[in-house]
Amino acid sequence: MEREQNVMEVLGFPQFLCYSHKSQLRIECQKILRLAYACDFIAQVSLQKIYQSTISLFLKALSKMEAEFTNEIRFLKERVLVRQLNQFRPKEGSKKPT
């Protein structure tokens, strides 16, 4: 009881409140708490949508990079094959075996 009175004084309320005033104060505090819960819910939903959008964009960028990387690897493999084939071709000016 003493602690409750100290809290009431710190918050700027009179030292002794009747039951009806405490009841009204409790109702107002519940309204504020409901508003805080609603704001928290809205913030969480917004952050979730931002998170999902960011992950979606990241995955699209990764797939684009993968496609570019795959094309680059294909190009490099073709270059290596061309070099290997050129090694076995007779050089110009050399005699062909008969």
PDB file of N, CA and C in Angstrom:
ATOM      1  N   MET A   1       0.826  -1.190   0.000  1.00  0.00           N
ATOM      2  CA  MET A   1       0.000   0.000   0.000  1.00  0.00           C
ATOM      3  C   MET A   1       0.872   1.256   0.000  1.00  0.00           C
ATOM      4  N   GLU A   2       1.943   1.205   0.790  1.00  0.00           N
ATOM      5  CA  GLU A   2       2.828   2.365   0.859  1.00  0.00           C
ATOM      6  C   GLU A   2       3.522   2.593  -0.480  1.00  0.00           C
ATOM      7  N   ARG A   3       3.931   1.486  -1.095  1.00  0.00           N
ATOM      8  CA  ARG A   3       4.598   1.591  -2.400  1.00  0.00           C
ATOM      9  C   ARG A   3       3.648   2.190  -3.429  1.00  0.00           C
ATOM     10  N   GLU A   4       2.379   1.782  -3.388  1.00  0.00           N
ATOM     11  CA  GLU A   4       1.376   2.315  -4.313  1.00  0.00           C
ATOM     12  C   GLU A   4       1.224   3.820  -4.122  1.00  0.00           C
ATOM     13  N   GLN A   5       1.219   4.267  -2.897  1.00  0.00           N
ATOM     14  CA  GLN A   5       1.090   5.701  -2.629  1.00  0.00           C
ATOM     15  C   GLN A   5       2.317   6.457  -3.141  1.00  0.00           C
ATOM     16  N   ASN A   6       3.511   5.870  -2.984  1.00  0.00           N
ATOM     17  CA  ASN A   6       4.725   6.518  -3.485  1.00  0.00           C
ATOM     18  C   ASN A   6       4.695   6.658  -5.004  1.00  0.00           C
ATOM     19  N   VAL A   7       4.219   5.626  -5.679  1.00  0.00           N
ATOM     20  CA  VAL A   7       4.113   5.676  -7.137  1.00  0.00           C
ATOM     21  C   VAL A   7       3.130   6.750  -7.552  1.00  0.00           C
ATOM     22  N   MET A   8       2.031   6.834  -6.876  1.00  0.00           N
ATOM     23  CA  MET A   8       1.011   7.840  -7.191  1.00  0.00           C
ATOM     24  C   MET A   8       1.580   9.247  -7.001  1.00  0.00           C
ATOM     25  N   GLU A   9       2.362   9.442  -5.962  1.00  0.00           N
ATOM     26  CA  GLU A   9       2.969  10.759  -5.722  1.00  0.00           C
ATOM     27  C   GLU A   9       3.989  11.088  -6.806  1.00  0.00           C
ATOM     28  N   VAL A  10       4.793  10.103  -7.220  1.00  0.00           N
ATOM     29  CA  VAL A  10       5.801  10.334  -8.262  1.00  0.00           C
ATOM     30  C   VAL A  10       5.127  10.716  -9.570  1.00  0.00           C
ATOM     31  N   LEU A  11       3.986  10.100  -9.853  1.00  0.00           N
ATOM     32  CA  LEU A  11       3.260  10.410 -11.080  1.00  0.00           C
ATOM     33  C   LEU A  11       2.484  11.720 -10.993  1.00  0.00           C
ATOM     34  N   GLY A  12       2.446  12.340  -9.831  1.00  0.00           N
ATOM     35  CA  GLY A  12       1.811  13.638  -9.684  1.00  0.00           C
ATOM     36  C   GLY A  12       0.356  13.584  -9.261  1.00  0.00           C
ATOM     37  N   PHE A  13      -0.114  12.452  -8.781  1.00  0.00           N
ATOM     38  CA  PHE A  13      -1.487  12.338  -8.309  1.00  0.00           C
ATOM     39  C   PHE A  13      -1.529  12.644  -6.814  1.00  0.00           C
ATOM     40  N   PRO A  14      -2.678  13.037  -6.333  1.00  0.00           N
ATOM     41  CA  PRO A  14      -2.792  13.294  -4.898  1.00  0.00           C
ATOM     42  C   PRO A  14      -2.471  12.038  -4.084  1.00  0.00           C
ATOM     43  N   GLN A  15      -2.088  12.241  -2.854  1.00  0.00           N
ATOM     44  CA  GLN A  15      -1.658  11.121  -2.020  1.00  0.00           C
ATOM     45  C   GLN A  15      -2.783  10.114  -1.802  1.00  0.00           C
ATOM     46  N   PHE A  16      -3.963  10.600  -1.574  1.00  0.00           N
ATOM     47  CA  PHE A  16      -5.087   9.689  -1.313  1.00  0.00           C
ATOM     48  C   PHE A  16      -6.153   9.883  -2.384  1.00  0.00           C
ATOM     49  N   LEU A  17      -6.359   8.833  -3.197  1.00  0.00           N
ATOM     50  CA  LEU A  17      -7.413   8.851  -4.211  1.00  0.00           C
ATOM     51  C   LEU A  17      -8.521   7.920  -3.769  1.00  0.00           C
ATOM     52  N   CYS A  18      -9.770   8.344  -4.024  1.00  0.00           N
ATOM     53  CA  CYS A  18     -10.883   7.466  -3.680  1.00  0.00           C
ATOM     54  C   CYS A  18     -10.976   6.342  -4.722  1.00  0.00           C
ATOM     55  N   TYR A  19     -11.776   5.353  -4.428  1.00  0.00           N
ATOM     56  CA  TYR A  19     -11.892   4.177  -5.291  1.00  0.00           C
ATOM     57  C   TYR A  19     -12.348   4.561  -6.695  1.00  0.00           C
ATOM     58  N   SER A  20     -13.297   5.475  -6.826  1.00  0.00           N
ATOM     59  CA  SER A  20     -13.826   5.832  -8.150  1.00  0.00           C
ATOM     60  C   SER A  20     -12.740   6.504  -9.004  1.00  0.00           C
ATOM     61  N   HIS A  21     -11.908   7.336  -8.404  1.00  0.00           N
ATOM     62  CA  HIS A  21     -10.832   7.971  -9.161  1.00  0.00           C
ATOM     63  C   HIS A  21      -9.792   6.934  -9.614  1.00  0.00           C
ATOM     64  N   LYS A  22      -9.481   5.999  -8.717  1.00  0.00           N
ATOM     65  CA  LYS A  22      -8.537   4.937  -9.084  1.00  0.00           C
ATOM     66  C   LYS A  22      -9.110   4.085 -10.212  1.00  0.00           C
ATOM     67  N   SER A  23     -10.415   3.844 -10.169  1.00  0.00           N
ATOM     68  CA  SER A  23     -11.072   3.053 -11.204  1.00  0.00           C
ATOM     69  C   SER A  23     -11.002   3.777 -12.550  1.00  0.00           C
ATOM     70  N   GLN A  24     -11.276   5.078 -12.544  1.00  0.00           N
ATOM     71  CA  GLN A  24     -11.186   5.854 -13.785  1.00  0.00           C
ATOM     72  C   GLN A  24      -9.751   5.882 -14.310  1.00  0.00           C
ATOM     73  N   LEU A  25      -8.805   6.015 -13.407  1.00  0.00           N
ATOM     74  CA  LEU A  25      -7.394   6.013 -13.799  1.00  0.00           C
ATOM     75  C   LEU A  25      -7.011   4.670 -14.426  1.00  0.00           C
ATOM     76  N   ARG A  26      -7.509   3.581 -13.833  1.00  0.00           N
ATOM     77  CA  ARG A  26      -7.239   2.249 -14.350  1.00  0.00           C
ATOM     78  C   ARG A  26      -7.811   2.096 -15.767  1.00  0.00           C
ATOM     79  N   ILE A  27      -9.022   2.596 -15.981  1.00  0.00           N
ATOM     80  CA  ILE A  27      -9.659   2.511 -17.303  1.00  0.00           C
ATOM     81  C   ILE A  27      -8.846   3.290 -18.339  1.00  0.00           C
ATOM     82  N   GLU A  28      -8.383   4.478 -17.985  1.00  0.00           N
ATOM     83  CA  GLU A  28      -7.577   5.280 -18.911  1.00  0.00           C
ATOM     84  C   GLU A  28      -6.244   4.597 -19.213  1.00  0.00           C
ATOM     85  N   CYS A  29      -5.647   3.996 -18.208  1.00  0.00           N
ATOM     86  CA  CYS A  29      -4.391   3.269 -18.425  1.00  0.00           C
ATOM     87  C   CYS A  29      -4.604   2.072 -19.351  1.00  0.00           C
ATOM     88  N   GLN A  30      -5.740   1.393 -19.224  1.00  0.00           N
ATOM     89  CA  GLN A  30      -6.047   0.273 -20.109  1.00  0.00           C
ATOM     90  C   GLN A  30      -6.188   0.745 -21.553  1.00  0.00           C
ATOM     91  N   LYS A  31      -6.795   1.920 -21.740  1.00  0.00           N
ATOM     92  CA  LYS A  31      -6.931   2.471 -23.089  1.00  0.00           C
ATOM     93  C   LYS A  31      -5.556   2.772 -23.691  1.00  0.00           C
ATOM     94  N   ILE A  32      -4.682   3.356 -22.883  1.00  0.00           N
ATOM     95  CA  ILE A  32      -3.328   3.665 -23.355  1.00  0.00           C
ATOM     96  C   ILE A  32      -2.586   2.384 -23.690  1.00  0.00           C
ATOM     97  N   LEU A  33      -2.754   1.362 -22.858  1.00  0.00           N
ATOM     98  CA  LEU A  33      -2.089   0.087 -23.099  1.00  0.00           C
ATOM     99  C   LEU A  33      -2.600  -0.569 -24.377  1.00  0.00           C
ATOM    100  N   ARG A  34      -3.905  -0.510 -24.627  1.00  0.00           N
ATOM    101  CA  ARG A  34      -4.461  -1.049 -25.871  1.00  0.00           C
ATOM    102  C   ARG A  34      -3.904  -0.319 -27.087  1.00  0.00           C
ATOM    103  N   LEU A  35      -3.780   1.006 -26.986  1.00  0.00           N
ATOM    104  CA  LEU A  35      -3.200   1.788 -28.071  1.00  0.00           C
ATOM    105  C   LEU A  35      -1.749   1.362 -28.311  1.00  0.00           C
ATOM    106  N   ALA A  36      -1.006   1.159 -27.234  1.00  0.00           N
ATOM    107  CA  ALA A  36       0.393   0.726 -27.367  1.00  0.00           C
ATOM    108  C   ALA A  36       0.464  -0.645 -28.035  1.00  0.00           C
ATOM    109  N   TYR A  37      -0.421  -1.566 -27.659  1.00  0.00           N
ATOM    110  CA  TYR A  37      -0.446  -2.889 -28.301  1.00  0.00           C
ATOM    111  C   TYR A  37      -0.774  -2.774 -29.787  1.00  0.00           C
ATOM    112  N   ALA A  38      -1.737  -1.905 -30.127  1.00  0.00           N
ATOM    113  CA  ALA A  38      -2.113  -1.726 -31.532  1.00  0.00           C
ATOM    114  C   ALA A  38      -0.941  -1.146 -32.333  1.00  0.00           C
ATOM    115  N   CYS A  39      -0.262  -0.155 -31.773  1.00  0.00           N
ATOM    116  CA  CYS A  39       0.905   0.434 -32.448  1.00  0.00           C
ATOM    117  C   CYS A  39       2.005  -0.608 -32.618  1.00  0.00           C
ATOM    118  N   ASP A  40       2.222  -1.420 -31.598  1.00  0.00           N
ATOM    119  CA  ASP A  40       3.233  -2.471 -31.674  1.00  0.00           C
ATOM    120  C   ASP A  40       2.877  -3.474 -32.768  1.00  0.00           C
ATOM    121  N   PHE A  41       1.616  -3.853 -32.851  1.00  0.00           N
ATOM    122  CA  PHE A  41       1.177  -4.800 -33.878  1.00  0.00           C
ATOM    123  C   PHE A  41       1.389  -4.220 -35.272  1.00  0.00           C
ATOM    124  N   ILE A  42       1.002  -2.962 -35.463  1.00  0.00           N
ATOM    125  CA  ILE A  42       1.162  -2.310 -36.768  1.00  0.00           C
ATOM    126  C   ILE A  42       2.643  -2.245 -37.147  1.00  0.00           C
ATOM    127  N   ALA A  43       3.484  -1.908 -36.175  1.00  0.00           N
ATOM    128  CA  ALA A  43       4.930  -1.832 -36.442  1.00  0.00           C
ATOM    129  C   ALA A  43       5.484  -3.206 -36.812  1.00  0.00           C
ATOM    130  N   GLN A  44       5.050  -4.240 -36.115  1.00  0.00           N
ATOM    131  CA  GLN A  44       5.541  -5.591 -36.414  1.00  0.00           C
ATOM    132  C   GLN A  44       5.112  -6.043 -37.806  1.00  0.00           C
ATOM    133  N   VAL A  45       3.879  -5.778 -38.168  1.00  0.00           N
ATOM    134  CA  VAL A  45       3.384  -6.162 -39.491  1.00  0.00           C
ATOM    135  C   VAL A  45       4.155  -5.400 -40.579  1.00  0.00           C
ATOM    136  N   SER A  46       4.380  -4.114 -40.350  1.00  0.00           N
ATOM    137  CA  SER A  46       5.127  -3.311 -41.329  1.00  0.00           C
ATOM    138  C   SER A  46       6.548  -3.827 -41.485  1.00  0.00           C
ATOM    139  N   LEU A  47       7.201  -4.119 -40.377  1.00  0.00           N
ATOM    140  CA  LEU A  47       8.570  -4.639 -40.438  1.00  0.00           C
ATOM    141  C   LEU A  47       8.609  -6.002 -41.121  1.00  0.00           C
ATOM    142  N   GLN A  48       7.585  -6.814 -40.885  1.00  0.00           N
ATOM    143  CA  GLN A  48       7.528  -8.125 -41.540  1.00  0.00           C
ATOM    144  C   GLN A  48       7.416  -7.961 -43.056  1.00  0.00           C
ATOM    145  N   LYS A  49       6.582  -7.020 -43.505  1.00  0.00           N
ATOM    146  CA  LYS A  49       6.430  -6.790 -44.947  1.00  0.00           C
ATOM    147  C   LYS A  49       7.732  -6.269 -45.555  1.00  0.00           C
ATOM    148  N   ILE A  50       8.405  -5.371 -44.841  1.00  0.00           N
ATOM    149  CA  ILE A  50       9.690  -4.855 -45.322  1.00  0.00           C
ATOM    150  C   ILE A  50      10.700  -5.995 -45.421  1.00  0.00           C
ATOM    151  N   TYR A  51      10.731  -6.841 -44.408  1.00  0.00           N
ATOM    152  CA  TYR A  51      11.656  -7.980 -44.388  1.00  0.00           C
ATOM    153  C   TYR A  51      11.387  -8.910 -45.565  1.00  0.00           C
ATOM    154  N   GLN A  52      10.125  -9.246 -45.789  1.00  0.00           N
ATOM    155  CA  GLN A  52       9.776 -10.149 -46.887  1.00  0.00           C
ATOM    156  C   GLN A  52      10.121  -9.533 -48.236  1.00  0.00           C
ATOM    157  N   SER A  53       9.879  -8.241 -48.389  1.00  0.00           N
ATOM    158  CA  SER A  53      10.203  -7.560 -49.638  1.00  0.00           C
ATOM    159  C   SER A  53      11.713  -7.552 -49.872  1.00  0.00           C
ATOM    160  N   THR A  54      12.474  -7.288 -48.821  1.00  0.00           N
ATOM    161  CA  THR A  54      13.931  -7.257 -48.944  1.00  0.00           C
ATOM    162  C   THR A  54      14.474  -8.628 -49.314  1.00  0.00           C
ATOM    163  N   ILE A  55      13.970  -9.671 -48.674  1.00  0.00           N
ATOM    164  CA  ILE A  55      14.418 -11.031 -48.985  1.00  0.00           C
ATOM    165  C   ILE A  55      14.055 -11.387 -50.419  1.00  0.00           C
ATOM    166  N   SER A  56      12.882 -11.001 -50.866  1.00  0.00           N
ATOM    167  CA  SER A  56      12.459 -11.278 -52.237  1.00  0.00           C
ATOM    168  C   SER A  56      13.396 -10.598 -53.239  1.00  0.00           C
ATOM    169  N   LEU A  57      13.712  -9.322 -53.002  1.00  0.00           N
ATOM    170  CA  LEU A  57      14.640  -8.606 -53.887  1.00  0.00           C
ATOM    171  C   LEU A  57      16.028  -9.239 -53.870  1.00  0.00           C
ATOM    172  N   PHE A  58      16.466  -9.671 -52.698  1.00  0.00           N
ATOM    173  CA  PHE A  58      17.775 -10.311 -52.566  1.00  0.00           C
ATOM    174  C   PHE A  58      17.825 -11.613 -53.359  1.00  0.00           C
ATOM    175  N   LEU A  59      16.765 -12.417 -53.273  1.00  0.00           N
ATOM    176  CA  LEU A  59      16.729 -13.682 -54.004  1.00  0.00           C
ATOM    177  C   LEU A  59      16.699 -13.448 -55.516  1.00  0.00           C
ATOM    178  N   LYS A  60      15.980 -12.417 -55.951  1.00  0.00           N
ATOM    179  CA  LYS A  60      15.959 -12.097 -57.381  1.00  0.00           C
ATOM    180  C   LYS A  60      17.355 -11.688 -57.852  1.00  0.00           C
ATOM    181  N   ALA A  61      18.038 -10.879 -57.051  1.00  0.00           N
ATOM    182  CA  ALA A  61      19.395 -10.460 -57.417  1.00  0.00           C
ATOM    183  C   ALA A  61      20.334 -11.659 -57.464  1.00  0.00           C
ATOM    184  N   LEU A  62      20.172 -12.580 -56.520  1.00  0.00           N
ATOM    185  CA  LEU A  62      21.011 -13.785 -56.518  1.00  0.00           C
ATOM    186  C   LEU A  62      20.769 -14.637 -57.753  1.00  0.00           C
ATOM    187  N   SER A  63      19.519 -14.791 -58.142  1.00  0.00           N
ATOM    188  CA  SER A  63      19.233 -15.612 -59.320  1.00  0.00           C
ATOM    189  C   SER A  63      19.779 -14.945 -60.585  1.00  0.00           C
ATOM    190  N   LYS A  64      19.722 -13.605 -60.637  1.00  0.00           N
ATOM    191  CA  LYS A  64      20.283 -12.895 -61.783  1.00  0.00           C
ATOM    192  C   LYS A  64      21.803 -13.088 -61.819  1.00  0.00           C
ATOM    193  N   MET A  65      22.445 -12.976 -60.654  1.00  0.00           N
ATOM    194  CA  MET A  65      23.892 -13.183 -60.580  1.00  0.00           C
ATOM    195  C   MET A  65      24.251 -14.618 -60.963  1.00  0.00           C
ATOM    196  N   GLU A  66      23.413 -15.570 -60.547  1.00  0.00           N
ATOM    197  CA  GLU A  66      23.659 -16.970 -60.881  1.00  0.00           C
ATOM    198  C   GLU A  66      23.597 -17.176 -62.394  1.00  0.00           C
ATOM    199  N   ALA A  67      22.619 -16.560 -63.038  1.00  0.00           N
ATOM    200  CA  ALA A  67      22.488 -16.688 -64.491  1.00  0.00           C
ATOM    201  C   ALA A  67      23.712 -16.094 -65.185  1.00  0.00           C
ATOM    202  N   GLU A  68      24.156 -14.920 -64.725  1.00  0.00           N
ATOM    203  CA  GLU A  68      25.347 -14.299 -65.316  1.00  0.00           C
ATOM    204  C   GLU A  68      26.577 -15.169 -65.078  1.00  0.00           C
ATOM    205  N   PHE A  69      26.683 -15.706 -63.881  1.00  0.00           N
ATOM    206  CA  PHE A  69      27.814 -16.555 -63.534  1.00  0.00           C
ATOM    207  C   PHE A  69      27.818 -17.822 -64.387  1.00  0.00           C
ATOM    208  N   THR A  70      26.646 -18.409 -64.585  1.00  0.00           N
ATOM    209  CA  THR A  70      26.531 -19.611 -65.415  1.00  0.00           C
ATOM    210  C   THR A  70      26.952 -19.316 -66.844  1.00  0.00           C
ATOM    211  N   ASN A  71      26.522 -18.175 -67.380  1.00  0.00           N
ATOM    212  CA  ASN A  71      26.924 -17.797 -68.736  1.00  0.00           C
ATOM    213  C   ASN A  71      28.435 -17.595 -68.824  1.00  0.00           C
ATOM    214  N   GLU A  72      29.014 -16.976 -67.801  1.00  0.00           N
ATOM    215  CA  GLU A  72      30.462 -16.751 -67.780  1.00  0.00           C
ATOM    216  C   GLU A  72      31.211 -18.078 -67.731  1.00  0.00           C
ATOM    217  N   ILE A  73      30.734 -19.016 -66.951  1.00  0.00           N
ATOM    218  CA  ILE A  73      31.374 -20.335 -66.871  1.00  0.00           C
ATOM    219  C   ILE A  73      31.265 -21.051 -68.211  1.00  0.00           C
ATOM    220  N   ARG A  74      30.107 -20.963 -68.839  1.00  0.00           N
ATOM    221  CA  ARG A  74      29.914 -21.592 -70.147  1.00  0.00           C
ATOM    222  C   ARG A  74      30.896 -20.998 -71.159  1.00  0.00           C
ATOM    223  N   PHE A  75      31.046 -19.686 -71.141  1.00  0.00           N
ATOM    224  CA  PHE A  75      31.979 -19.016 -72.050  1.00  0.00           C
ATOM    225  C   PHE A  75      33.415 -19.484 -71.792  1.00  0.00           C
ATOM    226  N   LEU A  76      33.807 -19.574 -70.522  1.00  0.00           N
ATOM    227  CA  LEU A  76      35.162 -20.013 -70.192  1.00  0.00           C
ATOM    228  C   LEU A  76      35.405 -21.461 -70.594  1.00  0.00           C
ATOM    229  N   LYS A  77      34.416 -22.319 -70.413  1.00  0.00           N
ATOM    230  CA  LYS A  77      34.552 -23.719 -70.830  1.00  0.00           C
ATOM    231  C   LYS A  77      34.749 -23.808 -72.336  1.00  0.00           C
ATOM    232  N   GLU A  78      33.982 -23.010 -73.092  1.00  0.00           N
ATOM    233  CA  GLU A  78      34.124 -23.014 -74.551  1.00  0.00           C
ATOM    234  C   GLU A  78      35.517 -22.547 -74.956  1.00  0.00           C
ATOM    235  N   ARG A  79      36.034 -21.530 -74.266  1.00  0.00           N
ATOM    236  CA  ARG A  79      37.389 -21.046 -74.559  1.00  0.00           C
ATOM    237  C   ARG A  79      38.433 -22.126 -74.304  1.00  0.00           C
ATOM    238  N   VAL A  80      38.278 -22.847 -73.191  1.00  0.00           N
ATOM    239  CA  VAL A  80      39.214 -23.927 -72.872  1.00  0.00           C
ATOM    240  C   VAL A  80      39.134 -25.015 -73.924  1.00  0.00           C
ATOM    241  N   LEU A  81      37.935 -25.364 -74.347  1.00  0.00           N
ATOM    242  CA  LEU A  81      37.775 -26.390 -75.384  1.00  0.00           C
ATOM    243  C   LEU A  81      38.424 -25.958 -76.692  1.00  0.00           C
ATOM    244  N   VAL A  82      38.251 -24.705 -77.048  1.00  0.00           N
ATOM    245  CA  VAL A  82      38.848 -24.196 -78.287  1.00  0.00           C
ATOM    246  C   VAL A  82      40.361 -24.284 -78.193  1.00  0.00           C
ATOM    247  N   ARG A  83      40.928 -23.910 -77.052  1.00  0.00           N
ATOM    248  CA  ARG A  83      42.377 -24.010 -76.870  1.00  0.00           C
ATOM    249  C   ARG A  83      42.851 -25.455 -76.984  1.00  0.00           C
ATOM    250  N   GLN A  84      42.109 -26.357 -76.351  1.00  0.00           N
ATOM    251  CA  GLN A  84      42.504 -27.769 -76.408  1.00  0.00           C
ATOM    252  C   GLN A  84      42.428 -28.297 -77.837  1.00  0.00           C
ATOM    253  N   LEU A  85      41.391 -27.917 -78.562  1.00  0.00           N
ATOM    254  CA  LEU A  85      41.275 -28.360 -79.953  1.00  0.00           C
ATOM    255  C   LEU A  85      42.394 -27.767 -80.801  1.00  0.00           C
ATOM    256  N   ASN A  86      42.749 -26.531 -80.547  1.00  0.00           N
ATOM    257  CA  ASN A  86      43.818 -25.891 -81.311  1.00  0.00           C
ATOM    258  C   ASN A  86      45.169 -26.556 -81.064  1.00  0.00           C
ATOM    259  N   GLN A  87      45.333 -27.159 -79.922  1.00  0.00           N
ATOM    260  CA  GLN A  87      46.592 -27.841 -79.633  1.00  0.00           C
ATOM    261  C   GLN A  87      46.776 -29.050 -80.546  1.00  0.00           C
ATOM    262  N   PHE A  88      45.690 -29.703 -80.901  1.00  0.00           N
ATOM    263  CA  PHE A  88      45.780 -30.919 -81.704  1.00  0.00           C
ATOM    264  C   PHE A  88      45.704 -30.656 -83.202  1.00  0.00           C
ATOM    265  N   ARG A  89      45.361 -29.468 -83.603  1.00  0.00           N
ATOM    266  CA  ARG A  89      45.318 -29.149 -85.029  1.00  0.00           C
ATOM    267  C   ARG A  89      46.736 -28.943 -85.533  1.00  0.00           C
ATOM    268  N   PRO A  90      46.981 -29.387 -86.739  1.00  0.00           N
ATOM    269  CA  PRO A  90      48.314 -29.132 -87.297  1.00  0.00           C
ATOM    270  C   PRO A  90      48.487 -27.644 -87.567  1.00  0.00           C
ATOM    271  N   LYS A  91      49.649 -27.155 -87.311  1.00  0.00           N
ATOM    272  CA  LYS A  91      49.926 -25.748 -87.513  1.00  0.00           C
ATOM    273  C   LYS A  91      50.042 -25.475 -88.994  1.00  0.00           C
ATOM    274  N   GLU A  92      49.719 -24.261 -89.370  1.00  0.00           N
ATOM    275  CA  GLU A  92      49.804 -23.889 -90.774  1.00  0.00           C
ATOM    276  C   GLU A  92      51.265 -23.909 -91.199  1.00  0.00           C
ATOM    277  N   GLY A  93      51.512 -24.414 -92.349  1.00  0.00           N
ATOM    278  CA  GLY A  93      52.856 -24.476 -92.863  1.00  0.00           C
ATOM    279  C   GLY A  93      53.557 -25.785 -92.511  1.00  0.00           C
ATOM    280  N   SER A  94      52.975 -26.541 -91.633  1.00  0.00           N
ATOM    281  CA  SER A  94      53.592 -27.837 -91.309  1.00  0.00           C
ATOM    282  C   SER A  94      53.070 -28.883 -92.287  1.00  0.00           C
ATOM    283  N   LYS A  95      53.836 -29.905 -92.468  1.00  0.00           N
ATOM    284  CA  LYS A  95      53.458 -30.950 -93.431  1.00  0.00           C
ATOM    285  C   LYS A  95      52.421 -31.861 -92.809  1.00  0.00           C
ATOM    286  N   LYS A  96      51.471 -32.239 -93.633  1.00  0.00           N
ATOM    287  CA  LYS A  96      50.448 -33.182 -93.189  1.00  0.00           C
ATOM    288  C   LYS A  96      51.014 -34.583 -93.311  1.00  0.00           C
ATOM    289  N   PRO A  97      50.715 -35.441 -92.365  1.00  0.00           N
ATOM    290  CA  PRO A  97      51.201 -36.815 -92.488  1.00  0.00           C
ATOM    291  C   PRO A  97      50.503 -37.516 -93.663  1.00  0.00           C
ATOM    292  N   THR A  98      51.240 -38.330 -94.358  1.00  0.00           N
ATOM    293  CA  THR A  98      50.688 -39.012 -95.525  1.00  0.00           C
ATOM    294  C   THR A  98      50.376 -40.449 -95.231  1.00  0.00           C
TER     295      THR A  98
END
